[in-house]
């Protein structure tokens, strides 16, 4: 039985990846941070099948002990301060956890688990002020936030450790991927959560920033299959994972409100404070190499994604109303 270790297992991607690996017969281990309350809501339905350990990418000693204890065959580094807007407010913390945290883990893999296969979670935000469209694995990075800068550092650290030490280390540059498990501070879930609450009479208005930003949105459950597929290759590499379609925030907004029988223009306010200091206007991924080499393709399209997220949040708001 293969063993996998997932940092950030309690997040959206960690929960879907855990399900996928369990279905494939893996023994799944994950790190959680010590807190006064449990933050395992996304994995509660499978928690009795998981092996959870207290761990933090900033605690080298504890992570080293964990690697030596678990002896994982595969390591998926999904842990990060992953909110772009928050990274402007906490740039040093974001750089430490998202950037240096990956470097710390790579060094621990080199010294404690050199045979393990390593996956580094990248982000389309690394392309930032895009220099070509669509963006492929050869497109130069132009990060536009502390979060994106930290992810670029983590990406090249992974490449460096692969080339310098022969680690089976791969980068997945994942474009925006969403689900009903997405954090409520991210714009897509903020929208669908508000739609449910407005429909249930629990909320009246929704404030948003830039509605013209264009994104390549996919389903997180599809994207974790690509993560696993990368670590099954004979040779490591870097891959863009995307749908190849782009939609504006306004289109997402319109579809979600329409699903609930509402007109978004009657409920949405513009708030300049929600704009980023430096905006990323257009992200559109070219995932053809991943489709050809990994045999991967998304199963969900944009409309399925928005409808499922909205449906889930309508049900959630109805439960709250009761």
C-alpha atoms as a PDB file:
ATOM      1  CA  UNK A   1       0.000   0.000   0.000  1.00  0.00           C
ATOM      2  CA  UNK A   2       1.375   3.383  -1.024  1.00  0.00           C
ATOM      3  CA  UNK A   3       1.629   6.148   1.566  1.00  0.00           C
ATOM      4  CA  UNK A   4       0.920   9.790   0.768  1.00  0.00           C
ATOM      5  CA  UNK A   5       1.584  12.828   2.948  1.00  0.00           C
ATOM      6  CA  UNK A   6      -0.485  15.953   2.245  1.00  0.00           C
ATOM      7  CA  UNK A   7       0.357  19.312   3.764  1.00  0.00           C
ATOM      8  CA  UNK A   8      -2.719  21.524   3.828  1.00  0.00           C
ATOM      9  CA  UNK A   9      -5.010  18.488   3.968  1.00  0.00           C
ATOM     10  CA  UNK A  10      -7.859  20.473   5.556  1.00  0.00           C
ATOM     11  CA  UNK A  11      -8.120  22.835   2.570  1.00  0.00           C
ATOM     12  CA  UNK A  12     -10.280  22.499  -0.514  1.00  0.00           C
ATOM     13  CA  UNK A  13      -7.646  20.694  -2.587  1.00  0.00           C
ATOM     14  CA  UNK A  14      -6.448  18.598   0.330  1.00  0.00           C
ATOM     15  CA  UNK A  15      -9.936  17.238   0.917  1.00  0.00           C
ATOM     16  CA  UNK A  16     -10.533  16.267  -2.719  1.00  0.00           C
ATOM     17  CA  UNK A  17      -7.030  14.814  -3.060  1.00  0.00           C
ATOM     18  CA  UNK A  18      -7.543  12.760   0.097  1.00  0.00           C
ATOM     19  CA  UNK A  19     -10.754  11.289  -1.314  1.00  0.00           C
ATOM     20  CA  UNK A  20      -9.050  10.490  -4.623  1.00  0.00           C
ATOM     21  CA  UNK A  21      -6.062   8.781  -2.997  1.00  0.00           C
ATOM     22  CA  UNK A  22      -8.233   6.801  -0.569  1.00  0.00           C
ATOM     23  CA  UNK A  23     -10.280   5.551  -3.529  1.00  0.00           C
ATOM     24  CA  UNK A  24      -7.017   4.392  -5.121  1.00  0.00           C
ATOM     25  CA  UNK A  25      -6.104   2.417  -2.005  1.00  0.00           C
ATOM     26  CA  UNK A  26      -3.526   4.788  -0.483  1.00  0.00           C
ATOM     27  CA  UNK A  27      -2.735   5.220   3.189  1.00  0.00           C
ATOM     28  CA  UNK A  28      -3.230   8.973   3.525  1.00  0.00           C
ATOM     29  CA  UNK A  29      -1.442  11.140   6.084  1.00  0.00           C
ATOM     30  CA  UNK A  30      -1.920  14.873   6.491  1.00  0.00           C
ATOM     31  CA  UNK A  31      -0.660  17.791   8.540  1.00  0.00           C
ATOM     32  CA  UNK A  32      -2.935  20.056  10.535  1.00  0.00           C
ATOM     33  CA  UNK A  33      -2.005  23.107  12.580  1.00  0.00           C
ATOM     34  CA  UNK A  34      -2.744  23.160  16.295  1.00  0.00           C
ATOM     35  CA  UNK A  35      -5.612  25.520  17.104  1.00  0.00           C
ATOM     36  CA  UNK A  36      -8.172  25.989  19.861  1.00  0.00           C
ATOM     37  CA  UNK A  37     -10.902  24.704  17.550  1.00  0.00           C
ATOM     38  CA  UNK A  38     -10.929  21.984  14.908  1.00  0.00           C
ATOM     39  CA  UNK A  39     -10.728  23.057  11.274  1.00  0.00           C
ATOM     40  CA  UNK A  40     -11.505  19.706   9.707  1.00  0.00           C
ATOM     41  CA  UNK A  41     -14.932  20.441   8.228  1.00  0.00           C
ATOM     42  CA  UNK A  42     -13.910  19.557   4.671  1.00  0.00           C
ATOM     43  CA  UNK A  43     -12.549  16.136   5.686  1.00  0.00           C
ATOM     44  CA  UNK A  44     -14.892  15.171   8.537  1.00  0.00           C
ATOM     45  CA  UNK A  45     -16.693  12.660   6.296  1.00  0.00           C
ATOM     46  CA  UNK A  46     -13.434  10.696   5.793  1.00  0.00           C
ATOM     47  CA  UNK A  47     -11.530  11.623   8.938  1.00  0.00           C
ATOM     48  CA  UNK A  48     -11.690   8.091  10.357  1.00  0.00           C
ATOM     49  CA  UNK A  49      -9.783   6.859   7.282  1.00  0.00           C
ATOM     50  CA  UNK A  50      -7.021   9.475   7.528  1.00  0.00           C
ATOM     51  CA  UNK A  51      -3.852   9.716   9.630  1.00  0.00           C
ATOM     52  CA  UNK A  52      -3.596  13.314  10.861  1.00  0.00           C
ATOM     53  CA  UNK A  53      -0.501  14.828  12.465  1.00  0.00           C
ATOM     54  CA  UNK A  54       0.201  18.244  13.952  1.00  0.00           C
ATOM     55  CA  UNK A  55       2.687  19.968  11.671  1.00  0.00           C
ATOM     56  CA  UNK A  56       3.627  23.330  10.201  1.00  0.00           C
ATOM     57  CA  UNK A  57       5.963  24.229   7.349  1.00  0.00           C
ATOM     58  CA  UNK A  58       7.651  26.727   9.659  1.00  0.00           C
ATOM     59  CA  UNK A  59       8.577  23.969  12.175  1.00  0.00           C
ATOM     60  CA  UNK A  60      11.481  22.139  10.572  1.00  0.00           C
ATOM     61  CA  UNK A  61      12.121  19.755  13.466  1.00  0.00           C
ATOM     62  CA  UNK A  62       8.548  18.503  13.677  1.00  0.00           C
ATOM     63  CA  UNK A  63       8.304  18.078   9.901  1.00  0.00           C
ATOM     64  CA  UNK A  64      11.583  16.145   9.812  1.00  0.00           C
ATOM     65  CA  UNK A  65      10.337  13.792  12.532  1.00  0.00           C
ATOM     66  CA  UNK A  66       7.089  13.333  10.625  1.00  0.00           C
ATOM     67  CA  UNK A  67       8.837  12.394   7.377  1.00  0.00           C
ATOM     68  CA  UNK A  68      11.050   9.882   9.180  1.00  0.00           C
ATOM     69  CA  UNK A  69       8.035   8.399  10.962  1.00  0.00           C
ATOM     70  CA  UNK A  70       5.620   8.155   8.020  1.00  0.00           C
ATOM     71  CA  UNK A  71       8.144   7.343   5.264  1.00  0.00           C
ATOM     72  CA  UNK A  72       5.769   8.556   2.524  1.00  0.00           C
ATOM     73  CA  UNK A  73       6.012   7.423  -1.089  1.00  0.00           C
ATOM     74  CA  UNK A  74       4.426  10.658  -2.278  1.00  0.00           C
ATOM     75  CA  UNK A  75       4.358  14.155  -0.768  1.00  0.00           C
ATOM     76  CA  UNK A  76       1.870  16.791  -1.866  1.00  0.00           C
ATOM     77  CA  UNK A  77       2.697  20.311  -0.673  1.00  0.00           C
ATOM     78  CA  UNK A  78      -0.629  22.136  -0.694  1.00  0.00           C
ATOM     79  CA  UNK A  79      -0.026  24.232   2.426  1.00  0.00           C
ATOM     80  CA  UNK A  80       0.144  28.002   1.915  1.00  0.00           C
ATOM     81  CA  UNK A  81      -1.276  31.373   2.800  1.00  0.00           C
ATOM     82  CA  UNK A  82      -3.263  31.222  -0.408  1.00  0.00           C
ATOM     83  CA  UNK A  83      -5.419  34.344  -0.491  1.00  0.00           C
ATOM     84  CA  UNK A  84      -4.072  36.895  -2.986  1.00  0.00           C
ATOM     85  CA  UNK A  85      -5.695  39.980  -1.434  1.00  0.00           C
ATOM     86  CA  UNK A  86      -4.600  38.973   2.081  1.00  0.00           C
ATOM     87  CA  UNK A  87      -1.020  38.610   0.858  1.00  0.00           C
ATOM     88  CA  UNK A  88      -0.863  42.393   0.377  1.00  0.00           C
ATOM     89  CA  UNK A  89      -1.777  42.819   4.042  1.00  0.00           C
ATOM     90  CA  UNK A  90       0.552  40.031   5.256  1.00  0.00           C
ATOM     91  CA  UNK A  91       3.377  39.931   2.691  1.00  0.00           C
ATOM     92  CA  UNK A  92       6.146  38.704   5.014  1.00  0.00           C
ATOM     93  CA  UNK A  93       4.033  35.930   6.508  1.00  0.00           C
ATOM     94  CA  UNK A  94       2.890  34.901   3.021  1.00  0.00           C
ATOM     95  CA  UNK A  95       6.481  34.781   1.774  1.00  0.00           C
ATOM     96  CA  UNK A  96       7.587  32.765   4.783  1.00  0.00           C
ATOM     97  CA  UNK A  97       4.866  30.117   4.604  1.00  0.00           C
ATOM     98  CA  UNK A  98       4.159  29.946   0.872  1.00  0.00           C
ATOM     99  CA  UNK A  99       7.699  30.488  -0.414  1.00  0.00           C
ATOM    100  CA  UNK A 100      10.243  29.563   2.227  1.00  0.00           C
ATOM    101  CA  UNK A 101       7.888  26.884   3.563  1.00  0.00           C
ATOM    102  CA  UNK A 102       8.229  25.003   0.281  1.00  0.00           C
ATOM    103  CA  UNK A 103      12.022  25.364   0.392  1.00  0.00           C
ATOM    104  CA  UNK A 104      12.127  24.022   3.947  1.00  0.00           C
ATOM    105  CA  UNK A 105      10.061  21.025   2.910  1.00  0.00           C
ATOM    106  CA  UNK A 106      12.200  20.347  -0.159  1.00  0.00           C
ATOM    107  CA  UNK A 107      15.333  20.357   1.991  1.00  0.00           C
ATOM    108  CA  UNK A 108      13.667  17.922   4.385  1.00  0.00           C
ATOM    109  CA  UNK A 109      12.675  15.665   1.492  1.00  0.00           C
ATOM    110  CA  UNK A 110      16.278  15.716   0.273  1.00  0.00           C
ATOM    111  CA  UNK A 111      17.662  14.743   3.676  1.00  0.00           C
ATOM    112  CA  UNK A 112      14.884  12.595   5.169  1.00  0.00           C
ATOM    113  CA  UNK A 113      12.908  11.107   2.258  1.00  0.00           C
ATOM    114  CA  UNK A 114      14.941  11.387  -0.971  1.00  0.00           C
ATOM    115  CA  UNK A 115      13.069   8.510  -2.650  1.00  0.00           C
ATOM    116  CA  UNK A 116       9.681  10.140  -2.138  1.00  0.00           C
ATOM    117  CA  UNK A 117       7.967  11.806  -5.085  1.00  0.00           C
ATOM    118  CA  UNK A 118       7.144  15.459  -4.443  1.00  0.00           C
ATOM    119  CA  UNK A 119       4.367  17.678  -5.790  1.00  0.00           C
ATOM    120  CA  UNK A 120       4.504  21.463  -5.448  1.00  0.00           C
ATOM    121  CA  UNK A 121       1.261  23.399  -5.820  1.00  0.00           C
ATOM    122  CA  UNK A 122       1.815  26.302  -8.188  1.00  0.00           C
ATOM    123  CA  UNK A 123      -0.663  28.961  -9.264  1.00  0.00           C
ATOM    124  CA  UNK A 124      -1.733  30.759 -12.416  1.00  0.00           C
ATOM    125  CA  UNK A 125      -1.213  33.956 -10.401  1.00  0.00           C
ATOM    126  CA  UNK A 126       2.501  33.490 -11.133  1.00  0.00           C
ATOM    127  CA  UNK A 127       1.800  34.627 -14.717  1.00  0.00           C
ATOM    128  CA  UNK A 128       0.257  37.826 -13.340  1.00  0.00           C
ATOM    129  CA  UNK A 129       0.558  40.582 -15.916  1.00  0.00           C
ATOM    130  CA  UNK A 130       0.542  38.049 -18.692  1.00  0.00           C
ATOM    131  CA  UNK A 131       3.106  38.323 -21.474  1.00  0.00           C
ATOM    132  CA  UNK A 132       1.220  35.974 -23.826  1.00  0.00           C
ATOM    133  CA  UNK A 133      -2.208  34.349 -24.083  1.00  0.00           C
ATOM    134  CA  UNK A 134      -2.886  31.538 -23.486  1.00  0.00           C
ATOM    135  CA  UNK A 135      -0.294  30.871 -20.787  1.00  0.00           C
ATOM    136  CA  UNK A 136       1.757  27.694 -21.109  1.00  0.00           C
ATOM    137  CA  UNK A 137       4.646  26.159 -19.209  1.00  0.00           C
ATOM    138  CA  UNK A 138       7.054  28.290 -21.273  1.00  0.00           C
ATOM    139  CA  UNK A 139       5.277  31.611 -20.625  1.00  0.00           C
ATOM    140  CA  UNK A 140       7.472  33.932 -18.501  1.00  0.00           C
ATOM    141  CA  UNK A 141       6.226  34.690 -14.999  1.00  0.00           C
ATOM    142  CA  UNK A 142       5.221  38.239 -14.073  1.00  0.00           C
ATOM    143  CA  UNK A 143       3.828  37.999 -10.516  1.00  0.00           C
ATOM    144  CA  UNK A 144       1.601  40.839  -9.298  1.00  0.00           C
ATOM    145  CA  UNK A 145       1.164  40.038  -5.592  1.00  0.00           C
ATOM    146  CA  UNK A 146       3.251  38.853  -2.651  1.00  0.00           C
ATOM    147  CA  UNK A 147       1.407  35.525  -2.921  1.00  0.00           C
ATOM    148  CA  UNK A 148       2.370  35.129  -6.575  1.00  0.00           C
ATOM    149  CA  UNK A 149       5.988  36.105  -5.845  1.00  0.00           C
ATOM    150  CA  UNK A 150       6.144  33.449  -3.123  1.00  0.00           C
ATOM    151  CA  UNK A 151       4.726  30.829  -5.481  1.00  0.00           C
ATOM    152  CA  UNK A 152       7.330  31.702  -8.126  1.00  0.00           C
ATOM    153  CA  UNK A 153      10.040  31.194  -5.482  1.00  0.00           C
ATOM    154  CA  UNK A 154       8.534  27.823  -4.539  1.00  0.00           C
ATOM    155  CA  UNK A 155       8.312  26.824  -8.208  1.00  0.00           C
ATOM    156  CA  UNK A 156      11.944  27.522  -8.985  1.00  0.00           C
ATOM    157  CA  UNK A 157      13.056  25.973  -5.695  1.00  0.00           C
ATOM    158  CA  UNK A 158      11.342  22.776  -6.834  1.00  0.00           C
ATOM    159  CA  UNK A 159      13.026  22.924 -10.238  1.00  0.00           C
ATOM    160  CA  UNK A 160      16.379  23.551  -8.558  1.00  0.00           C
ATOM    161  CA  UNK A 161      16.077  20.599  -6.163  1.00  0.00           C
ATOM    162  CA  UNK A 162      15.013  18.358  -9.039  1.00  0.00           C
ATOM    163  CA  UNK A 163      18.027  19.335 -11.119  1.00  0.00           C
ATOM    164  CA  UNK A 164      20.585  19.623  -8.308  1.00  0.00           C
ATOM    165  CA  UNK A 165      19.683  16.543  -6.277  1.00  0.00           C
ATOM    166  CA  UNK A 166      17.736  14.314  -8.638  1.00  0.00           C
ATOM    167  CA  UNK A 167      14.498  14.490  -6.675  1.00  0.00           C
ATOM    168  CA  UNK A 168      11.311  13.329  -8.388  1.00  0.00           C
ATOM    169  CA  UNK A 169       9.792  16.785  -7.875  1.00  0.00           C
ATOM    170  CA  UNK A 170       7.054  18.238 -10.074  1.00  0.00           C
ATOM    171  CA  UNK A 171       5.232  21.567 -10.259  1.00  0.00           C
ATOM    172  CA  UNK A 172       1.562  21.842 -11.079  1.00  0.00           C
ATOM    173  CA  UNK A 173       0.614  25.329 -12.248  1.00  0.00           C
ATOM    174  CA  UNK A 174      -3.085  25.127 -11.524  1.00  0.00           C
ATOM    175  CA  UNK A 175      -5.421  27.777 -12.850  1.00  0.00           C
ATOM    176  CA  UNK A 176      -8.369  28.861 -10.702  1.00  0.00           C
ATOM    177  CA  UNK A 177     -10.199  25.830  -9.380  1.00  0.00           C
ATOM    178  CA  UNK A 178     -13.320  26.064  -7.288  1.00  0.00           C
ATOM    179  CA  UNK A 179     -15.945  23.893  -5.590  1.00  0.00           C
ATOM    180  CA  UNK A 180     -18.611  24.000  -2.886  1.00  0.00           C
ATOM    181  CA  UNK A 181     -15.672  23.539  -0.476  1.00  0.00           C
ATOM    182  CA  UNK A 182     -13.926  26.732  -1.569  1.00  0.00           C
ATOM    183  CA  UNK A 183     -13.133  29.173   1.232  1.00  0.00           C
ATOM    184  CA  UNK A 184     -15.821  31.802   1.711  1.00  0.00           C
ATOM    185  CA  UNK A 185     -13.392  34.721   1.287  1.00  0.00           C
ATOM    186  CA  UNK A 186     -12.593  33.769  -2.334  1.00  0.00           C
ATOM    187  CA  UNK A 187     -14.697  35.661  -4.861  1.00  0.00           C
ATOM    188  CA  UNK A 188     -16.492  32.670  -6.404  1.00  0.00           C
ATOM    189  CA  UNK A 189     -17.627  31.257  -3.070  1.00  0.00           C
ATOM    190  CA  UNK A 190     -18.352  34.751  -1.779  1.00  0.00           C
ATOM    191  CA  UNK A 191     -20.778  35.104  -4.673  1.00  0.00           C
ATOM    192  CA  UNK A 192     -22.525  31.739  -4.327  1.00  0.00           C
ATOM    193  CA  UNK A 193     -22.692  32.076  -0.544  1.00  0.00           C
ATOM    194  CA  UNK A 194     -24.358  35.477  -0.925  1.00  0.00           C
ATOM    195  CA  UNK A 195     -26.800  34.129  -3.516  1.00  0.00           C
ATOM    196  CA  UNK A 196     -27.962  31.450  -1.109  1.00  0.00           C
ATOM    197  CA  UNK A 197     -28.299  33.865   1.783  1.00  0.00           C
ATOM    198  CA  UNK A 198     -30.110  36.520  -0.281  1.00  0.00           C
ATOM    199  CA  UNK A 199     -32.538  33.911  -1.576  1.00  0.00           C
ATOM    200  CA  UNK A 200     -33.171  32.723   1.985  1.00  0.00           C
ATOM    201  CA  UNK A 201     -33.707  36.271   3.262  1.00  0.00           C
ATOM    202  CA  UNK A 202     -30.563  36.212   5.432  1.00  0.00           C
ATOM    203  CA  UNK A 203     -28.644  38.861   3.473  1.00  0.00           C
ATOM    204  CA  UNK A 204     -29.607  41.824   1.331  1.00  0.00           C
ATOM    205  CA  UNK A 205     -26.484  43.115  -0.443  1.00  0.00           C
ATOM    206  CA  UNK A 206     -23.173  41.819  -1.799  1.00  0.00           C
ATOM    207  CA  UNK A 207     -20.076  44.033  -2.188  1.00  0.00           C
ATOM    208  CA  UNK A 208     -17.507  43.182  -4.861  1.00  0.00           C
ATOM    209  CA  UNK A 209     -14.481  44.767  -6.498  1.00  0.00           C
ATOM    210  CA  UNK A 210     -13.324  44.226 -10.088  1.00  0.00           C
ATOM    211  CA  UNK A 211     -16.025  42.468 -12.136  1.00  0.00           C
ATOM    212  CA  UNK A 212     -14.135  42.530 -15.431  1.00  0.00           C
ATOM    213  CA  UNK A 213     -11.235  40.266 -14.370  1.00  0.00           C
ATOM    214  CA  UNK A 214     -11.120  37.167 -16.577  1.00  0.00           C
ATOM    215  CA  UNK A 215     -10.279  33.747 -15.174  1.00  0.00           C
ATOM    216  CA  UNK A 216      -9.941  30.150 -16.332  1.00  0.00           C
ATOM    217  CA  UNK A 217     -12.179  28.388 -13.784  1.00  0.00           C
ATOM    218  CA  UNK A 218     -12.270  24.624 -13.239  1.00  0.00           C
ATOM    219  CA  UNK A 219     -13.478  22.129 -10.637  1.00  0.00           C
ATOM    220  CA  UNK A 220     -11.047  21.312  -7.831  1.00  0.00           C
ATOM    221  CA  UNK A 221     -12.059  17.646  -7.876  1.00  0.00           C
ATOM    222  CA  UNK A 222     -10.859  17.419 -11.479  1.00  0.00           C
ATOM    223  CA  UNK A 223      -7.565  19.149 -10.755  1.00  0.00           C
ATOM    224  CA  UNK A 224      -6.414  16.847  -7.939  1.00  0.00           C
ATOM    225  CA  UNK A 225      -6.429  13.974 -10.430  1.00  0.00           C
ATOM    226  CA  UNK A 226      -3.745  15.854 -12.347  1.00  0.00           C
ATOM    227  CA  UNK A 227      -1.640  16.245  -9.185  1.00  0.00           C
ATOM    228  CA  UNK A 228      -1.629  12.494  -8.663  1.00  0.00           C
ATOM    229  CA  UNK A 229      -0.960  11.773 -12.333  1.00  0.00           C
ATOM    230  CA  UNK A 230       2.204  13.924 -12.257  1.00  0.00           C
ATOM    231  CA  UNK A 231       3.734  11.748  -9.561  1.00  0.00           C
ATOM    232  CA  UNK A 232       3.019   8.569 -11.528  1.00  0.00           C
ATOM    233  CA  UNK A 233       5.289   9.636 -14.407  1.00  0.00           C
ATOM    234  CA  UNK A 234       8.694   8.009 -14.855  1.00  0.00           C
ATOM    235  CA  UNK A 235      10.290  11.443 -15.013  1.00  0.00           C
ATOM    236  CA  UNK A 236       9.198  14.546 -13.067  1.00  0.00           C
ATOM    237  CA  UNK A 237       8.140  17.706 -14.847  1.00  0.00           C
ATOM    238  CA  UNK A 238       6.061  20.871 -14.744  1.00  0.00           C
ATOM    239  CA  UNK A 239       2.513  21.109 -16.077  1.00  0.00           C
ATOM    240  CA  UNK A 240      -0.195  23.729 -16.590  1.00  0.00           C
ATOM    241  CA  UNK A 241      -3.634  22.485 -15.508  1.00  0.00           C
ATOM    242  CA  UNK A 242      -6.547  24.488 -16.911  1.00  0.00           C
ATOM    243  CA  UNK A 243      -9.812  24.258 -18.828  1.00  0.00           C
ATOM    244  CA  UNK A 244      -8.704  26.484 -21.716  1.00  0.00           C
ATOM    245  CA  UNK A 245     -11.761  28.734 -21.350  1.00  0.00           C
ATOM    246  CA  UNK A 246     -11.981  32.172 -19.766  1.00  0.00           C
ATOM    247  CA  UNK A 247     -14.909  33.888 -18.054  1.00  0.00           C
ATOM    248  CA  UNK A 248     -15.320  37.220 -16.269  1.00  0.00           C
ATOM    249  CA  UNK A 249     -16.300  37.650 -12.642  1.00  0.00           C
ATOM    250  CA  UNK A 250     -19.455  39.312 -13.951  1.00  0.00           C
ATOM    251  CA  UNK A 251     -20.328  36.197 -15.966  1.00  0.00           C
ATOM    252  CA  UNK A 252     -19.835  34.025 -12.897  1.00  0.00           C
ATOM    253  CA  UNK A 253     -21.990  36.452 -10.944  1.00  0.00           C
ATOM    254  CA  UNK A 254     -24.730  36.456 -13.559  1.00  0.00           C
ATOM    255  CA  UNK A 255     -24.878  32.670 -13.850  1.00  0.00           C
ATOM    256  CA  UNK A 256     -25.056  32.158 -10.096  1.00  0.00           C
ATOM    257  CA  UNK A 257     -27.791  34.726  -9.484  1.00  0.00           C
ATOM    258  CA  UNK A 258     -29.712  33.468 -12.519  1.00  0.00           C
ATOM    259  CA  UNK A 259     -29.625  29.897 -11.184  1.00  0.00           C
ATOM    260  CA  UNK A 260     -31.369  31.181  -8.048  1.00  0.00           C
ATOM    261  CA  UNK A 261     -33.918  33.190 -10.045  1.00  0.00           C
ATOM    262  CA  UNK A 262     -32.376  36.525  -9.046  1.00  0.00           C
ATOM    263  CA  UNK A 263     -31.054  39.586 -10.899  1.00  0.00           C
ATOM    264  CA  UNK A 264     -27.559  40.352  -9.645  1.00  0.00           C
ATOM    265  CA  UNK A 265     -27.833  44.040 -10.547  1.00  0.00           C
ATOM    266  CA  UNK A 266     -30.479  44.443  -7.858  1.00  0.00           C
ATOM    267  CA  UNK A 267     -28.203  43.135  -5.104  1.00  0.00           C
ATOM    268  CA  UNK A 268     -24.531  43.897  -5.886  1.00  0.00           C
ATOM    269  CA  UNK A 269     -22.566  46.993  -4.873  1.00  0.00           C
ATOM    270  CA  UNK A 270     -19.116  48.042  -6.042  1.00  0.00           C
ATOM    271  CA  UNK A 271     -16.506  48.535  -3.300  1.00  0.00           C
ATOM    272  CA  UNK A 272     -13.151  50.008  -4.371  1.00  0.00           C
ATOM    273  CA  UNK A 273     -11.527  48.707  -1.192  1.00  0.00           C
ATOM    274  CA  UNK A 274     -11.851  45.176  -2.605  1.00  0.00           C
ATOM    275  CA  UNK A 275      -9.660  45.989  -5.606  1.00  0.00           C
ATOM    276  CA  UNK A 276      -6.101  44.680  -5.540  1.00  0.00           C
ATOM    277  CA  UNK A 277      -3.231  47.202  -5.581  1.00  0.00           C
ATOM    278  CA  UNK A 278      -2.018  45.472  -8.758  1.00  0.00           C
ATOM    279  CA  UNK A 279      -4.646  43.584 -10.724  1.00  0.00           C
ATOM    280  CA  UNK A 280      -4.339  40.444 -12.849  1.00  0.00           C
ATOM    281  CA  UNK A 281      -6.657  41.041 -15.781  1.00  0.00           C
ATOM    282  CA  UNK A 282      -6.656  37.829 -17.817  1.00  0.00           C
ATOM    283  CA  UNK A 283      -5.671  34.243 -17.074  1.00  0.00           C
ATOM    284  CA  UNK A 284      -6.174  31.505 -19.680  1.00  0.00           C
ATOM    285  CA  UNK A 285      -4.244  28.254 -19.495  1.00  0.00           C
ATOM    286  CA  UNK A 286      -2.837  25.987 -22.201  1.00  0.00           C
ATOM    287  CA  UNK A 287      -2.987  22.485 -20.697  1.00  0.00           C
ATOM    288  CA  UNK A 288      -2.421  20.502 -23.891  1.00  0.00           C
ATOM    289  CA  UNK A 289       0.860  18.902 -22.669  1.00  0.00           C
ATOM    290  CA  UNK A 290      -0.883  17.713 -19.489  1.00  0.00           C
ATOM    291  CA  UNK A 291      -3.743  16.267 -21.520  1.00  0.00           C
ATOM    292  CA  UNK A 292      -1.349  14.479 -23.864  1.00  0.00           C
ATOM    293  CA  UNK A 293       1.241  13.214 -21.388  1.00  0.00           C
ATOM    294  CA  UNK A 294      -0.853  12.720 -18.247  1.00  0.00           C
ATOM    295  CA  UNK A 295      -4.025  11.633 -20.009  1.00  0.00           C
ATOM    296  CA  UNK A 296      -5.882  14.276 -18.011  1.00  0.00           C
ATOM    297  CA  UNK A 297      -8.926  16.332 -18.934  1.00  0.00           C
ATOM    298  CA  UNK A 298     -11.548  18.180 -16.893  1.00  0.00           C
ATOM    299  CA  UNK A 299     -14.933  16.524 -16.464  1.00  0.00           C
ATOM    300  CA  UNK A 300     -16.809  19.647 -15.294  1.00  0.00           C
ATOM    301  CA  UNK A 301     -17.449  22.730 -17.412  1.00  0.00           C
ATOM    302  CA  UNK A 302     -18.020  26.308 -16.223  1.00  0.00           C
ATOM    303  CA  UNK A 303     -21.803  26.051 -16.035  1.00  0.00           C
ATOM    304  CA  UNK A 304     -21.741  22.791 -14.057  1.00  0.00           C
ATOM    305  CA  UNK A 305     -19.288  24.350 -11.630  1.00  0.00           C
ATOM    306  CA  UNK A 306     -21.281  27.540 -10.984  1.00  0.00           C
ATOM    307  CA  UNK A 307     -24.577  25.673 -10.739  1.00  0.00           C
ATOM    308  CA  UNK A 308     -23.258  23.069  -8.274  1.00  0.00           C
ATOM    309  CA  UNK A 309     -21.635  25.718  -6.084  1.00  0.00           C
ATOM    310  CA  UNK A 310     -24.824  27.802  -6.092  1.00  0.00           C
ATOM    311  CA  UNK A 311     -27.036  24.783  -5.408  1.00  0.00           C
ATOM    312  CA  UNK A 312     -24.880  23.762  -2.434  1.00  0.00           C
ATOM    313  CA  UNK A 313     -24.935  27.257  -0.951  1.00  0.00           C
ATOM    314  CA  UNK A 314     -28.699  27.592  -1.418  1.00  0.00           C
ATOM    315  CA  UNK A 315     -29.134  24.399   0.607  1.00  0.00           C
ATOM    316  CA  UNK A 316     -26.670  25.665   3.217  1.00  0.00           C
ATOM    317  CA  UNK A 317     -28.531  28.966   3.587  1.00  0.00           C
ATOM    318  CA  UNK A 318     -31.869  27.178   3.868  1.00  0.00           C
ATOM    319  CA  UNK A 319     -30.492  25.121   6.752  1.00  0.00           C
ATOM    320  CA  UNK A 320     -29.244  28.306   8.388  1.00  0.00           C
ATOM    321  CA  UNK A 321     -32.635  29.946   7.974  1.00  0.00           C
ATOM    322  CA  UNK A 322     -34.325  27.035   9.704  1.00  0.00           C
END
